[in-house]
């Protein structure tokens, strides 16, 4: 799982994605959670990045 980004549903969402494409593709801090619970924890603790 990558860190990802939060874009939201603003009218300029596509532009935000384009502007942050390098961040979206960045796999430097990628993690493979050892369990479904760890994946859940990752998702709920990083909601708006």
N, C-alpha and C. Protein backbone atom coordinates (compact mmCIF):
# COMPACT_ATOMS: atom_id res chain seq x y z
N UNK A 1 0.84 -1.16 0.00
CA UNK A 1 0.00 0.00 0.00
C UNK A 1 0.89 1.23 0.00
N UNK A 2 0.53 2.17 -0.84
CA UNK A 2 1.24 3.44 -0.85
C UNK A 2 0.55 4.41 0.09
N UNK A 3 1.18 5.55 0.33
CA UNK A 3 0.59 6.55 1.22
C UNK A 3 -0.59 7.24 0.57
N UNK A 4 -0.58 7.37 -0.75
CA UNK A 4 -1.69 7.96 -1.46
C UNK A 4 -1.88 9.44 -1.16
N UNK A 5 -2.97 9.99 -1.66
CA UNK A 5 -3.32 11.38 -1.41
C UNK A 5 -4.83 11.47 -1.22
N UNK A 6 -5.28 12.57 -0.65
CA UNK A 6 -6.71 12.82 -0.54
C UNK A 6 -7.06 13.93 -1.53
N UNK A 7 -8.02 13.66 -2.40
CA UNK A 7 -8.42 14.64 -3.40
C UNK A 7 -9.80 15.22 -3.09
N UNK A 8 -10.69 14.42 -2.60
CA UNK A 8 -12.04 14.90 -2.34
C UNK A 8 -12.88 14.94 -3.60
N UNK A 9 -14.02 15.60 -3.52
CA UNK A 9 -14.93 15.62 -4.67
C UNK A 9 -15.14 17.02 -5.22
N UNK A 10 -14.13 17.86 -5.08
CA UNK A 10 -14.20 19.22 -5.59
C UNK A 10 -14.26 19.22 -7.12
N UNK A 11 -14.78 20.28 -7.69
CA UNK A 11 -14.86 20.35 -9.16
C UNK A 11 -13.50 20.24 -9.85
N UNK A 12 -12.42 20.62 -9.15
CA UNK A 12 -11.09 20.55 -9.75
C UNK A 12 -10.33 19.28 -9.36
N UNK A 13 -11.04 18.24 -9.00
CA UNK A 13 -10.40 16.99 -8.55
C UNK A 13 -9.43 16.44 -9.59
N UNK A 14 -9.80 16.46 -10.86
CA UNK A 14 -8.91 15.95 -11.90
C UNK A 14 -7.62 16.77 -11.97
N UNK A 15 -7.73 18.07 -11.81
CA UNK A 15 -6.53 18.92 -11.81
C UNK A 15 -5.65 18.63 -10.60
N UNK A 16 -6.27 18.38 -9.46
CA UNK A 16 -5.51 18.04 -8.25
C UNK A 16 -4.75 16.73 -8.44
N UNK A 17 -5.41 15.76 -9.05
CA UNK A 17 -4.74 14.48 -9.31
C UNK A 17 -3.55 14.70 -10.25
N UNK A 18 -3.77 15.46 -11.31
CA UNK A 18 -2.68 15.72 -12.26
C UNK A 18 -1.52 16.43 -11.57
N UNK A 19 -1.81 17.39 -10.73
CA UNK A 19 -0.76 18.15 -10.04
C UNK A 19 0.02 17.29 -9.06
N UNK A 20 -0.61 16.27 -8.51
CA UNK A 20 0.04 15.44 -7.49
C UNK A 20 0.41 14.05 -8.00
N UNK A 21 0.47 13.89 -9.32
CA UNK A 21 0.72 12.57 -9.91
C UNK A 21 2.01 11.95 -9.38
N UNK A 22 3.06 12.74 -9.20
CA UNK A 22 4.32 12.19 -8.67
C UNK A 22 4.11 11.62 -7.27
N UNK A 23 3.31 12.29 -6.45
CA UNK A 23 3.03 11.79 -5.11
C UNK A 23 2.22 10.49 -5.17
N UNK A 24 1.29 10.41 -6.10
CA UNK A 24 0.47 9.21 -6.26
C UNK A 24 1.34 8.02 -6.65
N UNK A 25 2.27 8.24 -7.54
CA UNK A 25 3.13 7.16 -8.04
C UNK A 25 4.26 6.79 -7.09
N UNK A 26 4.56 7.63 -6.12
CA UNK A 26 5.69 7.42 -5.21
C UNK A 26 5.48 6.16 -4.38
N UNK A 27 6.39 5.22 -4.53
CA UNK A 27 6.29 3.96 -3.78
C UNK A 27 7.38 3.84 -2.73
N UNK A 28 8.05 4.95 -2.43
CA UNK A 28 9.18 4.92 -1.50
C UNK A 28 8.78 4.45 -0.11
N UNK A 29 7.59 4.80 0.34
CA UNK A 29 7.15 4.41 1.69
C UNK A 29 6.06 3.34 1.62
N UNK A 30 6.07 2.56 0.57
CA UNK A 30 5.08 1.50 0.40
C UNK A 30 5.20 0.46 1.51
N UNK A 31 4.07 -0.04 1.96
CA UNK A 31 4.06 -1.09 2.98
C UNK A 31 3.15 -2.23 2.53
N UNK A 32 3.46 -3.41 3.03
CA UNK A 32 2.61 -4.57 2.82
C UNK A 32 2.13 -4.98 4.20
N UNK A 33 0.87 -4.70 4.50
CA UNK A 33 0.37 -5.02 5.84
C UNK A 33 0.34 -6.53 6.07
N UNK A 34 0.70 -6.94 7.28
CA UNK A 34 0.74 -8.37 7.57
C UNK A 34 -0.64 -9.00 7.76
N UNK A 35 -1.68 -8.15 7.87
CA UNK A 35 -3.02 -8.69 8.10
C UNK A 35 -4.07 -7.68 7.65
N UNK A 36 -5.30 -8.14 7.57
CA UNK A 36 -6.40 -7.25 7.25
C UNK A 36 -6.58 -6.18 8.31
N UNK A 37 -6.35 -6.53 9.55
CA UNK A 37 -6.47 -5.56 10.63
C UNK A 37 -5.42 -4.46 10.49
N UNK A 38 -4.22 -4.82 10.09
CA UNK A 38 -3.17 -3.82 9.89
C UNK A 38 -3.50 -2.92 8.71
N UNK A 39 -4.09 -3.48 7.67
CA UNK A 39 -4.51 -2.67 6.53
C UNK A 39 -5.59 -1.68 6.96
N UNK A 40 -6.54 -2.15 7.71
CA UNK A 40 -7.61 -1.28 8.22
C UNK A 40 -7.02 -0.14 9.04
N UNK A 41 -6.10 -0.46 9.92
CA UNK A 41 -5.48 0.55 10.75
C UNK A 41 -4.76 1.60 9.90
N UNK A 42 -4.07 1.15 8.88
CA UNK A 42 -3.39 2.07 7.97
C UNK A 42 -4.39 3.01 7.31
N UNK A 43 -5.48 2.47 6.82
CA UNK A 43 -6.48 3.27 6.11
C UNK A 43 -7.14 4.30 7.02
N UNK A 44 -7.53 3.92 8.21
CA UNK A 44 -8.25 4.87 9.07
C UNK A 44 -7.31 5.88 9.73
N UNK A 45 -6.03 5.58 9.81
CA UNK A 45 -5.10 6.52 10.42
C UNK A 45 -4.44 7.46 9.41
N UNK A 46 -4.72 7.31 8.13
CA UNK A 46 -4.17 8.18 7.08
C UNK A 46 -5.28 8.63 6.14
N UNK A 47 -6.38 9.15 6.65
CA UNK A 47 -7.52 9.39 5.77
C UNK A 47 -7.44 10.58 4.83
N UNK A 48 -6.76 11.64 5.19
CA UNK A 48 -6.83 12.84 4.36
C UNK A 48 -5.46 13.37 3.95
N UNK A 49 -4.63 12.51 3.44
CA UNK A 49 -3.30 12.94 2.98
C UNK A 49 -3.34 13.26 1.52
